[in-house]
Amino acid sequence: MFEMFLIVCITTMTECTTMYENPSRTFKTYEQCQIVAVEKEKWTRQEIGDSVLYMQVGCKKKVTAQRKPQSPSQMGTIENENSLRNTPTI
């Protein structure tokens, strides 16, 4: 499985940022992901405009963490699994 990423540097930022889609889409093959990534790059460049210093949109293997079983006392502590993803979204 593959997921799309975006690395972008714009004039208003002091450093580059890596972003992921939210909600995240997964693709069975690298080729399927790349087709969508090309369209996402065109759309993003059009939306951001001239403030882009550097942009790279691509695909990488999706890393899925194996979960350990939770004890009953831990089960109510995570409100939203997506809130654990500490990266900006595209």
C-alpha atoms as a PDB file:
ATOM      1  CA  MET A   1       0.000   0.000   0.000  1.00  0.00           C
ATOM      2  CA  PHE A   2       1.179   3.519  -0.835  1.00  0.00           C
ATOM      3  CA  GLU A   3       0.276   6.997   0.370  1.00  0.00           C
ATOM      4  CA  MET A   4       0.840  10.428  -1.123  1.00  0.00           C
ATOM      5  CA  PHE A   5       3.051  13.102   0.451  1.00  0.00           C
ATOM      6  CA  LEU A   6       3.851  16.727  -0.292  1.00  0.00           C
ATOM      7  CA  ILE A   7       7.050  18.551   0.588  1.00  0.00           C
ATOM      8  CA  VAL A   8       6.594  22.277   0.195  1.00  0.00           C
ATOM      9  CA  CYS A   9       8.647  25.396   0.886  1.00  0.00           C
ATOM     10  CA  ILE A  10       6.828  28.690   0.514  1.00  0.00           C
ATOM     11  CA  THR A  11       7.984  32.250   0.998  1.00  0.00           C
ATOM     12  CA  THR A  12       6.062  32.733   4.264  1.00  0.00           C
ATOM     13  CA  MET A  13       7.653  29.705   5.981  1.00  0.00           C
ATOM     14  CA  THR A  14      11.117  29.497   7.534  1.00  0.00           C
ATOM     15  CA  GLU A  15      11.538  25.821   6.644  1.00  0.00           C
ATOM     16  CA  CYS A  16      10.023  23.194   4.391  1.00  0.00           C
ATOM     17  CA  THR A  17       7.093  21.087   5.551  1.00  0.00           C
ATOM     18  CA  THR A  18       6.060  17.530   4.716  1.00  0.00           C
ATOM     19  CA  MET A  19       2.303  17.062   4.520  1.00  0.00           C
ATOM     20  CA  TYR A  20      -0.044  14.103   4.107  1.00  0.00           C
ATOM     21  CA  GLU A  21      -3.664  13.918   3.004  1.00  0.00           C
ATOM     22  CA  ASN A  22      -6.296  13.883   5.713  1.00  0.00           C
ATOM     23  CA  PRO A  23      -8.234  11.738   5.440  1.00  0.00           C
ATOM     24  CA  SER A  24      -5.451   9.645   4.031  1.00  0.00           C
ATOM     25  CA  ARG A  25      -6.004   7.692   0.830  1.00  0.00           C
ATOM     26  CA  THR A  26      -4.093   4.501   0.184  1.00  0.00           C
ATOM     27  CA  PHE A  27      -3.264   3.028  -3.192  1.00  0.00           C
ATOM     28  CA  LYS A  28      -2.540  -0.600  -4.038  1.00  0.00           C
ATOM     29  CA  THR A  29       0.323   0.222  -6.391  1.00  0.00           C
ATOM     30  CA  TYR A  30       2.963   2.914  -6.682  1.00  0.00           C
ATOM     31  CA  GLU A  31       1.779   3.653 -10.223  1.00  0.00           C
ATOM     32  CA  GLN A  32      -1.817   4.300  -9.100  1.00  0.00           C
ATOM     33  CA  CYS A  33      -0.549   6.654  -6.421  1.00  0.00           C
ATOM     34  CA  GLN A  34       1.719   8.540  -8.845  1.00  0.00           C
ATOM     35  CA  ILE A  35      -1.165   9.215 -11.255  1.00  0.00           C
ATOM     36  CA  VAL A  36      -3.124  10.896  -8.463  1.00  0.00           C
ATOM     37  CA  ALA A  37       0.007  12.650  -7.136  1.00  0.00           C
ATOM     38  CA  VAL A  38       0.593  14.394 -10.492  1.00  0.00           C
ATOM     39  CA  GLU A  39      -2.940  15.805 -10.407  1.00  0.00           C
ATOM     40  CA  LYS A  40      -2.541  16.819  -6.739  1.00  0.00           C
ATOM     41  CA  GLU A  41       0.687  18.673  -7.582  1.00  0.00           C
ATOM     42  CA  LYS A  42      -0.986  20.606 -10.422  1.00  0.00           C
ATOM     43  CA  TRP A  43      -3.899  21.558  -8.170  1.00  0.00           C
ATOM     44  CA  THR A  44      -1.631  22.555  -5.268  1.00  0.00           C
ATOM     45  CA  ARG A  45       0.625  24.725  -7.463  1.00  0.00           C
ATOM     46  CA  GLN A  46      -2.440  26.478  -8.837  1.00  0.00           C
ATOM     47  CA  GLU A  47      -3.838  27.091  -5.326  1.00  0.00           C
ATOM     48  CA  ILE A  48      -0.585  28.263  -3.707  1.00  0.00           C
ATOM     49  CA  GLY A  49       0.593  30.289  -6.695  1.00  0.00           C
ATOM     50  CA  ASP A  50       3.843  32.239  -6.845  1.00  0.00           C
ATOM     51  CA  SER A  51       4.717  31.752  -3.176  1.00  0.00           C
ATOM     52  CA  VAL A  52       6.122  28.245  -3.862  1.00  0.00           C
ATOM     53  CA  LEU A  53       9.908  28.079  -3.572  1.00  0.00           C
ATOM     54  CA  TYR A  54      10.078  24.281  -3.799  1.00  0.00           C
ATOM     55  CA  MET A  55       7.472  21.530  -4.099  1.00  0.00           C
ATOM     56  CA  GLN A  56       7.658  17.768  -4.389  1.00  0.00           C
ATOM     57  CA  VAL A  57       4.618  15.515  -4.485  1.00  0.00           C
ATOM     58  CA  GLY A  58       5.220  11.805  -4.445  1.00  0.00           C
ATOM     59  CA  CYS A  59       4.277   8.433  -3.072  1.00  0.00           C
ATOM     60  CA  LYS A  60       5.817   6.194  -0.466  1.00  0.00           C
ATOM     61  CA  LYS A  61       5.016   2.908   1.181  1.00  0.00           C
ATOM     62  CA  LYS A  62       2.479   3.413   3.916  1.00  0.00           C
ATOM     63  CA  VAL A  63       3.816   2.426   7.301  1.00  0.00           C
ATOM     64  CA  THR A  64       1.209   0.848   9.506  1.00  0.00           C
ATOM     65  CA  ALA A  65       2.024   0.446  13.153  1.00  0.00           C
ATOM     66  CA  GLN A  66       1.032  -2.784  14.773  1.00  0.00           C
ATOM     67  CA  ARG A  67      -1.151  -2.100  17.754  1.00  0.00           C
ATOM     68  CA  LYS A  68      -0.751  -3.755  21.088  1.00  0.00           C
ATOM     69  CA  PRO A  69      -3.975  -4.786  22.800  1.00  0.00           C
ATOM     70  CA  GLN A  70      -5.189  -2.103  25.185  1.00  0.00           C
ATOM     71  CA  SER A  71      -6.229  -2.741  28.728  1.00  0.00           C
ATOM     72  CA  PRO A  72      -9.788  -1.670  29.637  1.00  0.00           C
ATOM     73  CA  SER A  73      -8.409   1.357  31.525  1.00  0.00           C
ATOM     74  CA  GLN A  74      -6.621   2.630  28.371  1.00  0.00           C
ATOM     75  CA  MET A  75      -9.495   2.158  25.921  1.00  0.00           C
ATOM     76  CA  GLY A  76     -11.217   5.488  26.625  1.00  0.00           C
ATOM     77  CA  THR A  77      -8.097   7.659  26.449  1.00  0.00           C
ATOM     78  CA  ILE A  78      -7.805   8.111  22.665  1.00  0.00           C
ATOM     79  CA  GLU A  79     -10.526  10.434  21.379  1.00  0.00           C
ATOM     80  CA  ASN A  80      -9.662  10.352  17.709  1.00  0.00           C
ATOM     81  CA  GLU A  81      -6.982   8.229  16.088  1.00  0.00           C
ATOM     82  CA  ASN A  82      -6.354  10.930  13.428  1.00  0.00           C
ATOM     83  CA  SER A  83      -5.487  13.433  16.144  1.00  0.00           C
ATOM     84  CA  LEU A  84      -2.368  11.367  16.820  1.00  0.00           C
ATOM     85  CA  ARG A  85      -0.999  12.221  13.394  1.00  0.00           C
ATOM     86  CA  ASN A  86       1.194  15.189  14.145  1.00  0.00           C
ATOM     87  CA  THR A  87       1.724  16.462  10.601  1.00  0.00           C
ATOM     88  CA  PRO A  88      -0.042  19.081   8.491  1.00  0.00           C
ATOM     89  CA  THR A  89      -2.464  17.828   5.871  1.00  0.00           C
ATOM     90  CA  ILE A  90      -2.964  18.504   2.190  1.00  0.00           C
END
